[in-house]
Amino acid sequence: MSAKKDELYARDLADALWVKSSKSNRPGCPCPYCVEVADLGDGAVAVRDSRRTDLPALRFTAEEWAAFRDGVRDGEFG
C-alpha cells in the first residue's frame, strides 16, 4: 500500500460523519445495498455499507475518489 493509503487506513473513524444518498433515504427504497460516505479531509473519503456498519470501511484518496466520481458521471459503470 502507498503511504497515503496507509495514512487513511490508520485513521480512527469512530467520530466520522457518515452521509447516505438522499435517494436511498426515501420510503420504500428497493435497494438492499446502500452505502454511506464520510469526508476524511483533503478530498479523501471512506465508504461503508449502511446496513452492515460493523464491516470495515473502504478508504479512497482524493485521486481515487475523483476518478470513480468522474467515471460515474461519464456513464462508465452503466
N, C-alpha and C. Protein backbone atom coordinates (compact mmCIF):
# COMPACT_ATOMS: atom_id res chain seq x y z
N MET A 1 0.85 -1.19 0.00
CA MET A 1 0.00 0.00 0.00
C MET A 1 0.88 1.23 0.00
N SER A 2 0.37 2.31 -0.54
CA SER A 2 1.12 3.56 -0.56
C SER A 2 1.05 4.23 0.81
N ALA A 3 1.93 5.18 1.03
CA ALA A 3 1.93 5.93 2.30
C ALA A 3 0.59 6.64 2.50
N LYS A 4 0.02 7.17 1.41
CA LYS A 4 -1.29 7.85 1.51
C LYS A 4 -2.37 6.89 1.99
N LYS A 5 -2.38 5.70 1.41
CA LYS A 5 -3.38 4.71 1.78
C LYS A 5 -3.16 4.24 3.22
N ASP A 6 -1.91 4.02 3.58
CA ASP A 6 -1.60 3.61 4.95
C ASP A 6 -2.13 4.64 5.94
N GLU A 7 -1.94 5.92 5.61
CA GLU A 7 -2.40 7.01 6.48
C GLU A 7 -3.93 6.98 6.60
N LEU A 8 -4.62 6.78 5.48
CA LEU A 8 -6.09 6.73 5.51
C LEU A 8 -6.59 5.57 6.36
N TYR A 9 -5.96 4.41 6.22
CA TYR A 9 -6.41 3.25 6.98
C TYR A 9 -6.00 3.31 8.45
N ALA A 10 -5.06 4.17 8.78
CA ALA A 10 -4.65 4.35 10.18
C ALA A 10 -5.62 5.25 10.94
N ARG A 11 -6.44 6.01 10.22
CA ARG A 11 -7.37 6.95 10.87
C ARG A 11 -8.49 6.23 11.60
N ASP A 12 -8.84 6.76 12.75
CA ASP A 12 -9.97 6.26 13.52
C ASP A 12 -11.24 6.91 12.98
N LEU A 13 -12.22 6.11 12.60
CA LEU A 13 -13.45 6.63 12.02
C LEU A 13 -14.60 6.69 13.03
N ALA A 14 -14.29 6.52 14.31
CA ALA A 14 -15.33 6.49 15.34
C ALA A 14 -16.19 7.76 15.33
N ASP A 15 -15.59 8.90 15.06
CA ASP A 15 -16.33 10.16 15.06
C ASP A 15 -16.64 10.68 13.66
N ALA A 16 -16.48 9.83 12.65
CA ALA A 16 -16.75 10.25 11.27
C ALA A 16 -18.23 10.59 11.09
N LEU A 17 -18.49 11.58 10.26
CA LEU A 17 -19.86 11.96 9.93
C LEU A 17 -20.23 11.25 8.64
N TRP A 18 -21.07 10.23 8.75
CA TRP A 18 -21.47 9.42 7.60
C TRP A 18 -22.71 10.01 6.95
N VAL A 19 -22.70 10.06 5.63
CA VAL A 19 -23.81 10.63 4.86
C VAL A 19 -24.29 9.58 3.86
N LYS A 20 -25.59 9.39 3.80
CA LYS A 20 -26.20 8.46 2.85
C LYS A 20 -26.88 9.26 1.76
N SER A 21 -26.90 8.75 0.57
CA SER A 21 -27.56 9.40 -0.56
C SER A 21 -29.03 9.67 -0.22
N SER A 22 -29.51 10.83 -0.63
CA SER A 22 -30.92 11.14 -0.41
C SER A 22 -31.83 10.17 -1.16
N LYS A 23 -31.34 9.58 -2.23
CA LYS A 23 -32.14 8.61 -3.00
C LYS A 23 -32.34 7.32 -2.23
N SER A 24 -31.42 6.99 -1.33
CA SER A 24 -31.60 5.75 -0.57
C SER A 24 -32.34 5.99 0.74
N ASN A 25 -32.69 7.22 1.03
CA ASN A 25 -33.43 7.54 2.25
C ASN A 25 -34.93 7.60 2.02
N ARG A 26 -35.37 7.46 0.79
CA ARG A 26 -36.80 7.61 0.53
C ARG A 26 -37.55 6.35 0.99
N PRO A 27 -38.79 6.51 1.41
CA PRO A 27 -39.58 5.36 1.86
C PRO A 27 -39.74 4.33 0.74
N GLY A 28 -39.63 3.09 1.09
CA GLY A 28 -39.82 2.02 0.12
C GLY A 28 -38.65 1.84 -0.83
N CYS A 29 -37.50 2.37 -0.48
CA CYS A 29 -36.32 2.24 -1.35
C CYS A 29 -36.09 0.76 -1.65
N PRO A 30 -36.10 0.38 -2.92
CA PRO A 30 -35.95 -1.03 -3.27
C PRO A 30 -34.51 -1.55 -3.14
N CYS A 31 -33.60 -0.67 -2.96
CA CYS A 31 -32.19 -1.05 -2.94
C CYS A 31 -31.80 -1.69 -1.61
N PRO A 32 -31.41 -2.97 -1.62
CA PRO A 32 -31.00 -3.60 -0.37
C PRO A 32 -29.55 -3.26 0.01
N TYR A 33 -28.84 -2.63 -0.91
CA TYR A 33 -27.43 -2.32 -0.68
C TYR A 33 -27.22 -0.82 -0.75
N CYS A 34 -27.13 -0.18 0.39
CA CYS A 34 -26.92 1.25 0.43
C CYS A 34 -25.55 1.54 1.04
N VAL A 35 -24.96 2.62 0.60
CA VAL A 35 -23.65 2.99 1.12
C VAL A 35 -23.72 4.36 1.77
N GLU A 36 -22.77 4.60 2.66
CA GLU A 36 -22.59 5.89 3.29
C GLU A 36 -21.16 6.33 3.02
N VAL A 37 -20.97 7.64 2.94
CA VAL A 37 -19.66 8.21 2.66
C VAL A 37 -19.31 9.19 3.77
N ALA A 38 -18.05 9.17 4.18
CA ALA A 38 -17.55 10.13 5.17
C ALA A 38 -16.37 10.88 4.57
N ASP A 39 -16.39 12.19 4.72
CA ASP A 39 -15.29 13.05 4.26
C ASP A 39 -14.13 12.91 5.24
N LEU A 40 -12.96 12.55 4.73
CA LEU A 40 -11.77 12.41 5.57
C LEU A 40 -10.83 13.60 5.45
N GLY A 41 -11.25 14.61 4.70
CA GLY A 41 -10.40 15.79 4.51
C GLY A 41 -9.51 15.64 3.30
N ASP A 42 -9.14 16.76 2.73
CA ASP A 42 -8.26 16.81 1.55
C ASP A 42 -8.78 15.99 0.38
N GLY A 43 -10.10 15.82 0.29
CA GLY A 43 -10.71 15.10 -0.82
C GLY A 43 -10.80 13.60 -0.63
N ALA A 44 -10.19 13.07 0.42
CA ALA A 44 -10.25 11.63 0.69
C ALA A 44 -11.60 11.29 1.33
N VAL A 45 -12.06 10.07 1.09
CA VAL A 45 -13.34 9.63 1.65
C VAL A 45 -13.25 8.20 2.15
N ALA A 46 -14.17 7.87 3.03
CA ALA A 46 -14.38 6.49 3.45
C ALA A 46 -15.78 6.10 3.00
N VAL A 47 -15.96 4.85 2.63
CA VAL A 47 -17.25 4.35 2.15
C VAL A 47 -17.55 3.07 2.93
N ARG A 48 -18.80 2.97 3.41
CA ARG A 48 -19.19 1.76 4.13
C ARG A 48 -20.60 1.34 3.75
N ASP A 49 -20.92 0.09 4.05
CA ASP A 49 -22.25 -0.46 3.86
C ASP A 49 -23.12 0.07 5.00
N SER A 50 -24.17 0.80 4.67
CA SER A 50 -25.00 1.42 5.70
C SER A 50 -25.80 0.40 6.51
N ARG A 51 -25.95 -0.79 5.98
CA ARG A 51 -26.71 -1.81 6.71
C ARG A 51 -25.81 -2.76 7.49
N ARG A 52 -24.52 -2.70 7.24
CA ARG A 52 -23.55 -3.55 7.93
C ARG A 52 -22.39 -2.68 8.41
N THR A 53 -22.70 -1.76 9.29
CA THR A 53 -21.68 -0.80 9.76
C THR A 53 -20.60 -1.47 10.60
N ASP A 54 -20.79 -2.75 10.94
CA ASP A 54 -19.77 -3.49 11.66
C ASP A 54 -18.61 -3.90 10.75
N LEU A 55 -18.84 -3.90 9.44
CA LEU A 55 -17.79 -4.24 8.48
C LEU A 55 -16.84 -3.06 8.31
N PRO A 56 -15.59 -3.31 7.94
CA PRO A 56 -14.65 -2.20 7.76
C PRO A 56 -15.02 -1.32 6.57
N ALA A 57 -14.74 -0.05 6.71
CA ALA A 57 -14.98 0.91 5.62
C ALA A 57 -13.82 0.88 4.64
N LEU A 58 -14.15 1.10 3.38
CA LEU A 58 -13.11 1.27 2.36
C LEU A 58 -12.68 2.73 2.39
N ARG A 59 -11.44 3.01 2.09
CA ARG A 59 -10.94 4.38 2.12
C ARG A 59 -10.25 4.70 0.80
N PHE A 60 -10.55 5.87 0.28
CA PHE A 60 -10.05 6.28 -1.03
C PHE A 60 -9.36 7.62 -0.95
N THR A 61 -8.22 7.72 -1.63
CA THR A 61 -7.53 9.01 -1.72
C THR A 61 -8.36 9.95 -2.58
N ALA A 62 -8.01 11.21 -2.56
CA ALA A 62 -8.73 12.20 -3.37
C ALA A 62 -8.67 11.83 -4.85
N GLU A 63 -7.52 11.35 -5.29
CA GLU A 63 -7.36 10.99 -6.70
C GLU A 63 -8.22 9.79 -7.07
N GLU A 64 -8.25 8.79 -6.21
CA GLU A 64 -9.08 7.61 -6.47
C GLU A 64 -10.56 7.97 -6.50
N TRP A 65 -10.98 8.78 -5.53
CA TRP A 65 -12.39 9.15 -5.45
C TRP A 65 -12.79 9.99 -6.66
N ALA A 66 -11.93 10.90 -7.09
CA ALA A 66 -12.23 11.73 -8.26
C ALA A 66 -12.34 10.88 -9.52
N ALA A 67 -11.49 9.89 -9.66
CA ALA A 67 -11.56 9.00 -10.83
C ALA A 67 -12.86 8.22 -10.82
N PHE A 68 -13.27 7.72 -9.66
CA PHE A 68 -14.54 7.00 -9.55
C PHE A 68 -15.71 7.92 -9.85
N ARG A 69 -15.74 9.09 -9.21
CA ARG A 69 -16.83 10.06 -9.40
C ARG A 69 -16.94 10.45 -10.88
N ASP A 70 -15.83 10.74 -11.50
CA ASP A 70 -15.85 11.14 -12.91
C ASP A 70 -16.33 9.99 -13.80
N GLY A 71 -15.95 8.75 -13.46
CA GLY A 71 -16.42 7.60 -14.21
C GLY A 71 -17.91 7.42 -14.12
N VAL A 72 -18.46 7.66 -12.93
CA VAL A 72 -19.92 7.58 -12.75
C VAL A 72 -20.59 8.66 -13.59
N ARG A 73 -20.09 9.87 -13.52
CA ARG A 73 -20.68 10.98 -14.29
C ARG A 73 -20.62 10.74 -15.80
N ASP A 74 -19.56 10.04 -16.24
CA ASP A 74 -19.38 9.78 -17.67
C ASP A 74 -20.11 8.52 -18.13
N GLY A 75 -20.82 7.84 -17.22
CA GLY A 75 -21.56 6.64 -17.60
C GLY A 75 -20.69 5.41 -17.75
N GLU A 76 -19.50 5.43 -17.20
CA GLU A 76 -18.56 4.34 -17.35
C GLU A 76 -19.03 3.04 -16.71
N PHE A 77 -19.87 3.13 -15.69
CA PHE A 77 -20.30 1.95 -14.96
C PHE A 77 -21.74 1.55 -15.27
N GLY A 78 -22.28 2.10 -16.31
CA GLY A 78 -23.61 1.98 -16.52
C GLY A 78 -24.48 1.19 -17.24
